Amino acid sequence: MADQPNNGTSGTPQSAEGQPTFQARVLGQYIKDLSFENPSVGRLQQAPGDKPNLQIEVNVNAQTVGKDVYESAIEFKAHATNNAGTIYDLELVYAGLFRIENAPPQAIEPFLLINCPLLLFPFLRRLAADLTREGGFPPLLLDPIDFGSLYIRRKQQLAQQQPAQASDSAPKS
């Protein structure tokens, strides 16, 4: 392999304009919180009941951990019930640590709440399927999640709440 000439730049990749380019790296990923409850197993064995009703909730959060290091976490809840009661209750927070360098400040939040969860979701999906299967039920196979739409919906909800809060706190004449 031929040696690359040293053009006086550091090891940081740069764009054509000479600006450092946006870089993101996964430093690690992990289960941050996990709970699986199977409270009605005895009743379910005696009388399986009707078709289950499954309620799913997904939230994404992010926080700064250190200089250029951020945590992005998917909070997932699945609550399955039928006429016999609660079938199972699964709560899982799956997170990752990301080093983000040279990003414009306005790009960090969407990256942490859209792109990072997209990288983490396949692992959360596998865990949800394994946990429900190991709990004695058919595996919970999750459809892909559009984290971009979730982010936009969240921003719209916050924008709607802010004017309402401002009018609530405005002095009344």
N, C-alpha and C. Protein backbone atom coordinates (compact mmCIF):
# COMPACT_ATOMS: atom_id res chain seq x y z
N MET A 1 0.85 -1.15 0.00
CA MET A 1 0.00 0.00 0.00
C MET A 1 0.90 1.23 0.00
N ALA A 2 0.61 2.17 -0.87
CA ALA A 2 1.42 3.39 -0.98
C ALA A 2 1.11 4.33 0.16
N ASP A 3 2.14 5.07 0.59
CA ASP A 3 1.93 6.08 1.63
C ASP A 3 1.16 7.24 1.05
N GLN A 4 0.24 7.76 1.85
CA GLN A 4 -0.53 8.94 1.45
C GLN A 4 0.31 10.18 1.77
N PRO A 5 0.34 11.15 0.86
CA PRO A 5 1.09 12.36 1.17
C PRO A 5 0.43 13.13 2.31
N ASN A 6 1.23 13.78 3.13
CA ASN A 6 0.71 14.58 4.22
C ASN A 6 0.46 15.98 3.70
N ASN A 7 -0.80 16.37 3.64
CA ASN A 7 -1.14 17.69 3.11
C ASN A 7 -1.33 18.71 4.23
N GLY A 8 -0.86 18.40 5.41
CA GLY A 8 -0.92 19.35 6.50
C GLY A 8 -2.22 19.32 7.29
N THR A 9 -3.11 18.39 6.98
CA THR A 9 -4.36 18.32 7.72
C THR A 9 -4.23 17.32 8.85
N SER A 10 -5.09 17.46 9.83
CA SER A 10 -5.10 16.50 10.94
C SER A 10 -5.80 15.24 10.48
N GLY A 11 -6.00 14.31 11.40
CA GLY A 11 -6.67 13.05 11.09
C GLY A 11 -8.17 13.20 10.93
N THR A 12 -8.73 14.40 11.10
CA THR A 12 -10.17 14.60 10.99
C THR A 12 -10.56 14.77 9.53
N PRO A 13 -11.51 13.95 9.03
CA PRO A 13 -11.96 14.12 7.65
C PRO A 13 -12.55 15.51 7.46
N GLN A 14 -12.31 16.08 6.28
CA GLN A 14 -12.80 17.43 6.01
C GLN A 14 -13.59 17.44 4.70
N SER A 15 -14.55 18.38 4.64
CA SER A 15 -15.35 18.54 3.43
C SER A 15 -14.54 19.30 2.40
N ALA A 16 -15.12 19.47 1.21
CA ALA A 16 -14.45 20.18 0.14
C ALA A 16 -14.18 21.63 0.52
N GLU A 17 -15.00 22.20 1.40
CA GLU A 17 -14.82 23.59 1.83
C GLU A 17 -13.78 23.71 2.94
N GLY A 18 -13.21 22.60 3.40
CA GLY A 18 -12.22 22.63 4.45
C GLY A 18 -12.80 22.54 5.84
N GLN A 19 -14.12 22.39 5.94
CA GLN A 19 -14.78 22.26 7.24
C GLN A 19 -14.69 20.80 7.69
N PRO A 20 -14.51 20.56 9.00
CA PRO A 20 -14.55 19.17 9.49
C PRO A 20 -15.92 18.56 9.19
N THR A 21 -15.93 17.30 8.79
CA THR A 21 -17.20 16.65 8.44
C THR A 21 -17.85 16.03 9.68
N PHE A 22 -19.14 15.94 9.60
CA PHE A 22 -19.97 15.34 10.65
C PHE A 22 -19.55 13.89 10.82
N GLN A 23 -19.30 13.48 12.04
CA GLN A 23 -18.94 12.10 12.32
C GLN A 23 -19.77 11.59 13.49
N ALA A 24 -20.26 10.37 13.38
CA ALA A 24 -20.99 9.73 14.47
C ALA A 24 -20.51 8.30 14.59
N ARG A 25 -20.28 7.89 15.83
CA ARG A 25 -19.83 6.53 16.09
C ARG A 25 -20.64 5.95 17.23
N VAL A 26 -20.93 4.67 17.14
CA VAL A 26 -21.59 3.96 18.22
C VAL A 26 -20.50 3.53 19.20
N LEU A 27 -20.62 3.99 20.43
CA LEU A 27 -19.65 3.61 21.46
C LEU A 27 -20.08 2.35 22.19
N GLY A 28 -21.38 2.15 22.26
CA GLY A 28 -21.90 0.96 22.94
C GLY A 28 -23.42 0.98 22.93
N GLN A 29 -24.00 -0.17 23.16
CA GLN A 29 -25.45 -0.28 23.27
C GLN A 29 -25.76 -1.29 24.35
N TYR A 30 -26.93 -1.10 25.02
CA TYR A 30 -27.18 -1.90 26.21
C TYR A 30 -28.64 -1.84 26.62
N ILE A 31 -29.02 -2.82 27.43
CA ILE A 31 -30.33 -2.81 28.08
C ILE A 31 -30.18 -1.90 29.30
N LYS A 32 -30.95 -0.83 29.33
CA LYS A 32 -30.88 0.10 30.46
C LYS A 32 -31.88 -0.28 31.54
N ASP A 33 -33.04 -0.82 31.13
CA ASP A 33 -34.06 -1.23 32.09
C ASP A 33 -34.88 -2.33 31.44
N LEU A 34 -35.27 -3.33 32.23
CA LEU A 34 -36.01 -4.45 31.68
C LEU A 34 -36.93 -5.03 32.75
N SER A 35 -38.19 -5.24 32.36
CA SER A 35 -39.15 -5.90 33.25
C SER A 35 -40.10 -6.71 32.38
N PHE A 36 -40.26 -7.98 32.73
CA PHE A 36 -41.24 -8.84 32.07
C PHE A 36 -42.05 -9.51 33.16
N GLU A 37 -43.35 -9.25 33.14
CA GLU A 37 -44.24 -9.85 34.13
C GLU A 37 -45.24 -10.75 33.43
N ASN A 38 -45.45 -11.90 34.03
CA ASN A 38 -46.37 -12.91 33.53
C ASN A 38 -47.31 -13.27 34.68
N PRO A 39 -48.20 -12.34 35.09
CA PRO A 39 -48.94 -12.51 36.34
C PRO A 39 -50.07 -13.52 36.31
N SER A 40 -50.58 -13.88 35.16
CA SER A 40 -51.78 -14.73 35.09
C SER A 40 -51.51 -16.09 34.50
N VAL A 41 -50.29 -16.58 34.63
CA VAL A 41 -49.94 -17.82 33.95
C VAL A 41 -50.82 -18.99 34.41
N GLY A 42 -51.16 -19.06 35.68
CA GLY A 42 -52.01 -20.15 36.17
C GLY A 42 -53.39 -20.11 35.56
N ARG A 43 -54.02 -18.94 35.55
CA ARG A 43 -55.35 -18.80 34.95
C ARG A 43 -55.32 -19.04 33.45
N LEU A 44 -54.24 -18.60 32.79
CA LEU A 44 -54.15 -18.77 31.34
C LEU A 44 -53.99 -20.24 30.96
N GLN A 45 -53.33 -21.03 31.81
CA GLN A 45 -53.18 -22.45 31.53
C GLN A 45 -54.50 -23.19 31.67
N GLN A 46 -55.33 -22.76 32.63
CA GLN A 46 -56.63 -23.40 32.84
C GLN A 46 -57.64 -23.01 31.77
N ALA A 47 -57.70 -21.73 31.45
CA ALA A 47 -58.64 -21.23 30.45
C ALA A 47 -57.93 -20.16 29.63
N PRO A 48 -57.50 -20.51 28.42
CA PRO A 48 -56.71 -19.57 27.65
C PRO A 48 -57.41 -18.24 27.35
N GLY A 49 -58.72 -18.19 27.38
CA GLY A 49 -59.41 -16.92 27.16
C GLY A 49 -59.55 -16.58 25.69
N ASP A 50 -59.91 -15.34 25.45
CA ASP A 50 -60.15 -14.89 24.08
C ASP A 50 -58.86 -14.36 23.46
N LYS A 51 -59.01 -13.83 22.28
CA LYS A 51 -57.87 -13.27 21.55
C LYS A 51 -57.28 -12.11 22.36
N PRO A 52 -55.96 -12.04 22.46
CA PRO A 52 -55.34 -11.00 23.28
C PRO A 52 -55.48 -9.60 22.66
N ASN A 53 -55.52 -8.63 23.56
CA ASN A 53 -55.49 -7.23 23.18
C ASN A 53 -54.10 -6.72 23.53
N LEU A 54 -53.38 -6.19 22.56
CA LEU A 54 -52.01 -5.76 22.77
C LEU A 54 -51.92 -4.25 22.64
N GLN A 55 -51.42 -3.61 23.67
CA GLN A 55 -51.17 -2.17 23.64
C GLN A 55 -49.67 -1.94 23.66
N ILE A 56 -49.19 -1.14 22.71
CA ILE A 56 -47.76 -0.87 22.60
C ILE A 56 -47.53 0.63 22.70
N GLU A 57 -46.48 0.99 23.42
CA GLU A 57 -46.09 2.39 23.57
C GLU A 57 -44.59 2.49 23.31
N VAL A 58 -44.21 3.47 22.49
CA VAL A 58 -42.80 3.68 22.18
C VAL A 58 -42.48 5.16 22.36
N ASN A 59 -41.42 5.44 23.10
CA ASN A 59 -40.92 6.80 23.28
C ASN A 59 -39.41 6.78 23.07
N VAL A 60 -38.88 7.90 22.63
CA VAL A 60 -37.44 8.02 22.44
C VAL A 60 -36.96 9.23 23.23
N ASN A 61 -35.87 9.05 23.94
CA ASN A 61 -35.27 10.14 24.70
C ASN A 61 -33.77 10.17 24.45
N ALA A 62 -33.18 11.32 24.70
CA ALA A 62 -31.74 11.46 24.54
C ALA A 62 -31.22 12.41 25.60
N GLN A 63 -29.96 12.23 25.93
CA GLN A 63 -29.31 13.12 26.90
C GLN A 63 -27.82 13.19 26.61
N THR A 64 -27.22 14.27 27.06
CA THR A 64 -25.78 14.45 26.93
C THR A 64 -25.11 13.69 28.07
N VAL A 65 -24.08 12.93 27.74
CA VAL A 65 -23.34 12.16 28.74
C VAL A 65 -21.98 12.80 29.02
N GLY A 66 -21.37 13.35 27.99
CA GLY A 66 -20.06 13.98 28.11
C GLY A 66 -19.80 14.82 26.88
N LYS A 67 -18.59 15.30 26.74
CA LYS A 67 -18.24 16.10 25.57
C LYS A 67 -18.37 15.24 24.32
N ASP A 68 -19.28 15.64 23.45
CA ASP A 68 -19.55 14.95 22.18
C ASP A 68 -20.10 13.54 22.36
N VAL A 69 -20.49 13.15 23.57
CA VAL A 69 -21.03 11.82 23.83
C VAL A 69 -22.47 11.96 24.31
N TYR A 70 -23.36 11.22 23.66
CA TYR A 70 -24.79 11.30 23.93
C TYR A 70 -25.37 9.90 24.09
N GLU A 71 -26.43 9.84 24.88
CA GLU A 71 -27.18 8.60 25.01
C GLU A 71 -28.52 8.78 24.33
N SER A 72 -28.88 7.83 23.50
CA SER A 72 -30.20 7.78 22.87
C SER A 72 -30.85 6.49 23.38
N ALA A 73 -32.12 6.60 23.83
CA ALA A 73 -32.78 5.45 24.42
C ALA A 73 -34.20 5.30 23.88
N ILE A 74 -34.57 4.06 23.58
CA ILE A 74 -35.93 3.74 23.17
C ILE A 74 -36.62 3.12 24.38
N GLU A 75 -37.72 3.75 24.79
CA GLU A 75 -38.54 3.21 25.87
C GLU A 75 -39.71 2.48 25.23
N PHE A 76 -39.80 1.18 25.49
CA PHE A 76 -40.80 0.33 24.86
C PHE A 76 -41.64 -0.35 25.93
N LYS A 77 -42.96 -0.31 25.73
CA LYS A 77 -43.87 -1.01 26.64
C LYS A 77 -44.87 -1.80 25.80
N ALA A 78 -45.11 -3.04 26.21
CA ALA A 78 -46.13 -3.88 25.58
C ALA A 78 -46.96 -4.49 26.70
N HIS A 79 -48.25 -4.28 26.63
CA HIS A 79 -49.17 -4.78 27.66
C HIS A 79 -50.23 -5.62 26.94
N ALA A 80 -50.23 -6.92 27.20
CA ALA A 80 -51.17 -7.84 26.56
C ALA A 80 -52.20 -8.30 27.58
N THR A 81 -53.47 -8.19 27.22
CA THR A 81 -54.56 -8.60 28.10
C THR A 81 -55.59 -9.40 27.30
N ASN A 82 -56.42 -10.14 28.03
CA ASN A 82 -57.62 -10.76 27.44
C ASN A 82 -58.64 -10.89 28.57
N ASN A 83 -59.71 -11.64 28.33
CA ASN A 83 -60.76 -11.72 29.35
C ASN A 83 -60.31 -12.43 30.62
N ALA A 84 -59.18 -13.14 30.58
CA ALA A 84 -58.65 -13.79 31.78
C ALA A 84 -57.78 -12.85 32.60
N GLY A 85 -57.48 -11.66 32.05
CA GLY A 85 -56.65 -10.69 32.76
C GLY A 85 -55.41 -10.32 31.97
N THR A 86 -54.40 -9.89 32.70
CA THR A 86 -53.13 -9.52 32.06
C THR A 86 -52.40 -10.78 31.62
N ILE A 87 -52.04 -10.81 30.36
CA ILE A 87 -51.26 -11.93 29.83
C ILE A 87 -49.79 -11.71 30.15
N TYR A 88 -49.27 -10.57 29.71
CA TYR A 88 -47.91 -10.18 30.08
C TYR A 88 -47.78 -8.67 30.00
N ASP A 89 -46.75 -8.20 30.68
CA ASP A 89 -46.43 -6.79 30.71
C ASP A 89 -44.92 -6.69 30.50
N LEU A 90 -44.52 -6.11 29.39
CA LEU A 90 -43.11 -5.99 29.05
C LEU A 90 -42.73 -4.52 29.01
N GLU A 91 -41.70 -4.15 29.76
CA GLU A 91 -41.14 -2.80 29.72
C GLU A 91 -39.64 -2.94 29.47
N LEU A 92 -39.18 -2.24 28.45
CA LEU A 92 -37.79 -2.36 28.04
C LEU A 92 -37.27 -1.00 27.63
N VAL A 93 -36.13 -0.61 28.17
CA VAL A 93 -35.43 0.58 27.71
C VAL A 93 -34.11 0.11 27.13
N TYR A 94 -33.95 0.32 25.83
CA TYR A 94 -32.73 -0.10 25.14
C TYR A 94 -32.03 1.18 24.68
N ALA A 95 -30.76 1.31 25.03
CA ALA A 95 -30.05 2.56 24.78
C ALA A 95 -28.71 2.33 24.11
N GLY A 96 -28.17 3.40 23.59
CA GLY A 96 -26.85 3.37 22.99
C GLY A 96 -26.11 4.65 23.30
N LEU A 97 -24.80 4.55 23.37
CA LEU A 97 -23.94 5.73 23.52
C LEU A 97 -23.34 6.05 22.16
N PHE A 98 -23.39 7.32 21.81
CA PHE A 98 -22.93 7.77 20.50
C PHE A 98 -21.99 8.96 20.67
N ARG A 99 -20.88 8.92 19.95
CA ARG A 99 -19.99 10.08 19.88
C ARG A 99 -20.34 10.81 18.59
N ILE A 100 -20.71 12.08 18.74
CA ILE A 100 -21.08 12.90 17.58
C ILE A 100 -20.15 14.09 17.55
N GLU A 101 -19.40 14.20 16.47
CA GLU A 101 -18.42 15.27 16.34
C GLU A 101 -18.71 16.11 15.10
N ASN A 102 -18.43 17.40 15.23
CA ASN A 102 -18.54 18.35 14.13
C ASN A 102 -19.94 18.48 13.56
N ALA A 103 -20.93 18.26 14.39
CA ALA A 103 -22.32 18.37 13.93
C ALA A 103 -22.83 19.77 14.23
N PRO A 104 -23.58 20.36 13.31
CA PRO A 104 -24.21 21.64 13.64
C PRO A 104 -25.17 21.43 14.81
N PRO A 105 -25.25 22.35 15.74
CA PRO A 105 -26.09 22.17 16.93
C PRO A 105 -27.53 21.80 16.61
N GLN A 106 -28.10 22.37 15.55
CA GLN A 106 -29.49 22.08 15.21
C GLN A 106 -29.67 20.67 14.65
N ALA A 107 -28.59 19.98 14.31
CA ALA A 107 -28.69 18.63 13.76
C ALA A 107 -28.59 17.54 14.82
N ILE A 108 -28.13 17.89 16.00
CA ILE A 108 -27.89 16.87 17.03
C ILE A 108 -29.19 16.25 17.53
N GLU A 109 -30.18 17.07 17.89
CA GLU A 109 -31.44 16.53 18.42
C GLU A 109 -32.11 15.57 17.42
N PRO A 110 -32.33 15.98 16.16
CA PRO A 110 -32.96 15.02 15.24
C PRO A 110 -32.12 13.76 15.03
N PHE A 111 -30.80 13.90 15.03
CA PHE A 111 -29.95 12.72 14.86
C PHE A 111 -30.14 11.74 16.01
N LEU A 112 -30.19 12.28 17.25
CA LEU A 112 -30.34 11.44 18.43
C LEU A 112 -31.72 10.81 18.54
N LEU A 113 -32.75 11.49 18.03
CA LEU A 113 -34.12 11.01 18.19
C LEU A 113 -34.67 10.29 16.96
N ILE A 114 -33.92 10.32 15.86
CA ILE A 114 -34.37 9.61 14.64
C ILE A 114 -33.33 8.57 14.21
N ASN A 115 -32.12 9.02 13.90
CA ASN A 115 -31.11 8.12 13.35
C ASN A 115 -30.60 7.10 14.36
N CYS A 116 -30.33 7.55 15.58
CA CYS A 116 -29.82 6.62 16.60
C CYS A 116 -30.84 5.53 16.92
N PRO A 117 -32.13 5.87 17.13
CA PRO A 117 -33.11 4.80 17.38
C PRO A 117 -33.23 3.83 16.20
N LEU A 118 -33.04 4.33 14.98
CA LEU A 118 -33.08 3.43 13.83
C LEU A 118 -31.97 2.38 13.93
N LEU A 119 -30.83 2.76 14.45
CA LEU A 119 -29.72 1.82 14.63
C LEU A 119 -29.99 0.84 15.77
N LEU A 120 -30.67 1.32 16.81
CA LEU A 120 -30.92 0.49 18.00
C LEU A 120 -32.12 -0.44 17.85
N PHE A 121 -33.10 -0.06 17.04
CA PHE A 121 -34.37 -0.78 16.99
C PHE A 121 -34.26 -2.27 16.66
N PRO A 122 -33.42 -2.69 15.71
CA PRO A 122 -33.36 -4.14 15.44
C PRO A 122 -32.99 -4.96 16.67
N PHE A 123 -32.18 -4.41 17.55
CA PHE A 123 -31.77 -5.13 18.76
C PHE A 123 -32.91 -5.17 19.77
N LEU A 124 -33.64 -4.06 19.91
CA LEU A 124 -34.82 -4.03 20.77
C LEU A 124 -35.87 -5.01 20.25
N ARG A 125 -36.06 -5.04 18.95
CA ARG A 125 -37.04 -5.94 18.32
C ARG A 125 -36.72 -7.40 18.65
N ARG A 126 -35.45 -7.76 18.53
CA ARG A 126 -35.03 -9.13 18.84
C ARG A 126 -35.26 -9.45 20.31
N LEU A 127 -34.93 -8.51 21.18
CA LEU A 127 -35.14 -8.72 22.62
C LEU A 127 -36.61 -8.92 22.95
N ALA A 128 -37.49 -8.11 22.37
CA ALA A 128 -38.93 -8.23 22.62
C ALA A 128 -39.43 -9.60 22.17
N ALA A 129 -38.98 -10.06 21.01
CA ALA A 129 -39.39 -11.37 20.51
C ALA A 129 -38.87 -12.48 21.43
N ASP A 130 -37.62 -12.41 21.82
CA ASP A 130 -37.03 -13.44 22.69
C ASP A 130 -37.69 -13.48 24.06
N LEU A 131 -37.92 -12.30 24.64
CA LEU A 131 -38.51 -12.24 25.98
C LEU A 131 -39.92 -12.80 26.00
N THR A 132 -40.75 -12.44 25.03
CA THR A 132 -42.11 -12.96 25.02
C THR A 132 -42.12 -14.46 24.75
N ARG A 133 -41.24 -14.92 23.89
CA ARG A 133 -41.15 -16.36 23.61
C ARG A 133 -40.69 -17.12 24.84
N GLU A 134 -39.66 -16.59 25.53
CA GLU A 134 -39.17 -17.23 26.74
C GLU A 134 -40.18 -17.13 27.88
N GLY A 135 -41.10 -16.16 27.81
CA GLY A 135 -42.16 -16.04 28.80
C GLY A 135 -43.29 -17.02 28.56
N GLY A 136 -43.20 -17.81 27.50
CA GLY A 136 -44.20 -18.84 27.23
C GLY A 136 -45.26 -18.44 26.22
N PHE A 137 -45.01 -17.38 25.47
CA PHE A 137 -46.00 -16.89 24.50
C PHE A 137 -45.39 -16.86 23.11
N PRO A 138 -46.22 -16.70 22.08
CA PRO A 138 -45.66 -16.50 20.75
C PRO A 138 -44.78 -15.25 20.75
N PRO A 139 -43.70 -15.26 19.98
CA PRO A 139 -42.81 -14.09 19.98
C PRO A 139 -43.54 -12.84 19.48
N LEU A 140 -43.26 -11.73 20.12
CA LEU A 140 -43.81 -10.44 19.71
C LEU A 140 -42.91 -9.91 18.60
N LEU A 141 -43.41 -9.96 17.37
CA LEU A 141 -42.64 -9.50 16.22
C LEU A 141 -43.10 -8.09 15.86
N LEU A 142 -42.26 -7.14 16.13
CA LEU A 142 -42.61 -5.73 15.93
C LEU A 142 -42.37 -5.30 14.48
N ASP A 143 -43.31 -4.52 13.97
CA ASP A 143 -43.12 -3.90 12.66
C ASP A 143 -42.11 -2.76 12.81
N PRO A 144 -41.48 -2.38 11.70
CA PRO A 144 -40.56 -1.23 11.77
C PRO A 144 -41.30 0.01 12.27
N ILE A 145 -40.57 0.88 12.91
CA ILE A 145 -41.13 2.12 13.45
C ILE A 145 -40.54 3.29 12.69
N ASP A 146 -41.39 4.23 12.31
CA ASP A 146 -40.96 5.45 11.62
C ASP A 146 -40.60 6.49 12.68
N PHE A 147 -39.34 6.51 13.08
CA PHE A 147 -38.90 7.44 14.13
C PHE A 147 -38.95 8.88 13.66
N GLY A 148 -38.86 9.12 12.35
CA GLY A 148 -38.99 10.47 11.82
C GLY A 148 -40.37 11.03 12.07
N SER A 149 -41.40 10.23 11.83
CA SER A 149 -42.78 10.66 12.10
C SER A 149 -43.02 10.88 13.59
N LEU A 150 -42.45 10.00 14.42
CA LEU A 150 -42.58 10.18 15.87
C LEU A 150 -41.96 11.51 16.31
N TYR A 151 -40.81 11.82 15.74
CA TYR A 151 -40.11 13.06 16.08
C TYR A 151 -40.95 14.28 15.67
N ILE A 152 -41.48 14.26 14.47
CA ILE A 152 -42.29 15.38 13.98
C ILE A 152 -43.55 15.54 14.84
N ARG A 153 -44.21 14.43 15.15
CA ARG A 153 -45.41 14.47 15.98
C ARG A 153 -45.09 15.05 17.37
N ARG A 154 -43.97 14.65 17.92
CA ARG A 154 -43.56 15.15 19.24
C ARG A 154 -43.30 16.65 19.19
N LYS A 155 -42.63 17.12 18.15
CA LYS A 155 -42.35 18.55 18.00
C LYS A 155 -43.65 19.34 17.84
N GLN A 156 -44.62 18.80 17.09
CA GLN A 156 -45.90 19.46 16.92
C GLN A 156 -46.66 19.53 18.24
N GLN A 157 -46.64 18.46 19.01
CA GLN A 157 -47.31 18.47 20.31
C GLN A 157 -46.69 19.50 21.24
N LEU A 158 -45.38 19.58 21.26
CA LEU A 158 -44.70 20.57 22.10
C LEU A 158 -45.04 21.98 21.66
N ALA A 159 -45.11 22.22 20.35
CA ALA A 159 -45.45 23.54 19.83
C ALA A 159 -46.87 23.93 20.21
N GLN A 160 -47.79 22.97 20.20
CA GLN A 160 -49.17 23.24 20.58
C GLN A 160 -49.29 23.50 22.08
N GLN A 161 -48.49 22.84 22.88
CA GLN A 161 -48.54 23.02 24.33
C GLN A 161 -47.96 24.37 24.75
N GLN A 162 -46.93 24.85 24.06
CA GLN A 162 -46.29 26.10 24.45
C GLN A 162 -47.22 27.30 24.32
N PRO A 163 -47.97 27.50 23.22
CA PRO A 163 -48.89 28.64 23.18
C PRO A 163 -49.98 28.53 24.26
N ALA A 164 -50.46 27.32 24.52
CA ALA A 164 -51.48 27.13 25.54
C ALA A 164 -50.92 27.49 26.92
N GLN A 165 -49.69 27.11 27.19
CA GLN A 165 -49.08 27.44 28.47
C GLN A 165 -48.84 28.94 28.58
N ALA A 166 -48.43 29.57 27.47
CA ALA A 166 -48.20 31.02 27.48
C ALA A 166 -49.49 31.78 27.74
N SER A 167 -50.61 31.34 27.16
CA SER A 167 -51.88 32.03 27.38
C SER A 167 -52.40 31.78 28.79
N ASP A 168 -52.09 30.61 29.36
CA ASP A 168 -52.49 30.32 30.74
C ASP A 168 -51.76 31.21 31.74
N SER A 169 -50.51 31.53 31.44
CA SER A 169 -49.72 32.32 32.37
C SER A 169 -49.81 33.82 32.10
N ALA A 170 -50.48 34.23 31.01
CA ALA A 170 -50.61 35.66 30.69
C ALA A 170 -51.53 36.32 31.71
N PRO A 171 -51.19 37.55 32.09
CA PRO A 171 -52.06 38.24 33.05
C PRO A 171 -53.44 38.49 32.46
N LYS A 172 -54.44 38.30 33.26
CA LYS A 172 -55.82 38.50 32.81
C LYS A 172 -56.26 39.89 33.23
N SER A 173 -57.01 40.56 32.35
CA SER A 173 -57.46 41.92 32.68
C SER A 173 -58.87 41.94 33.17
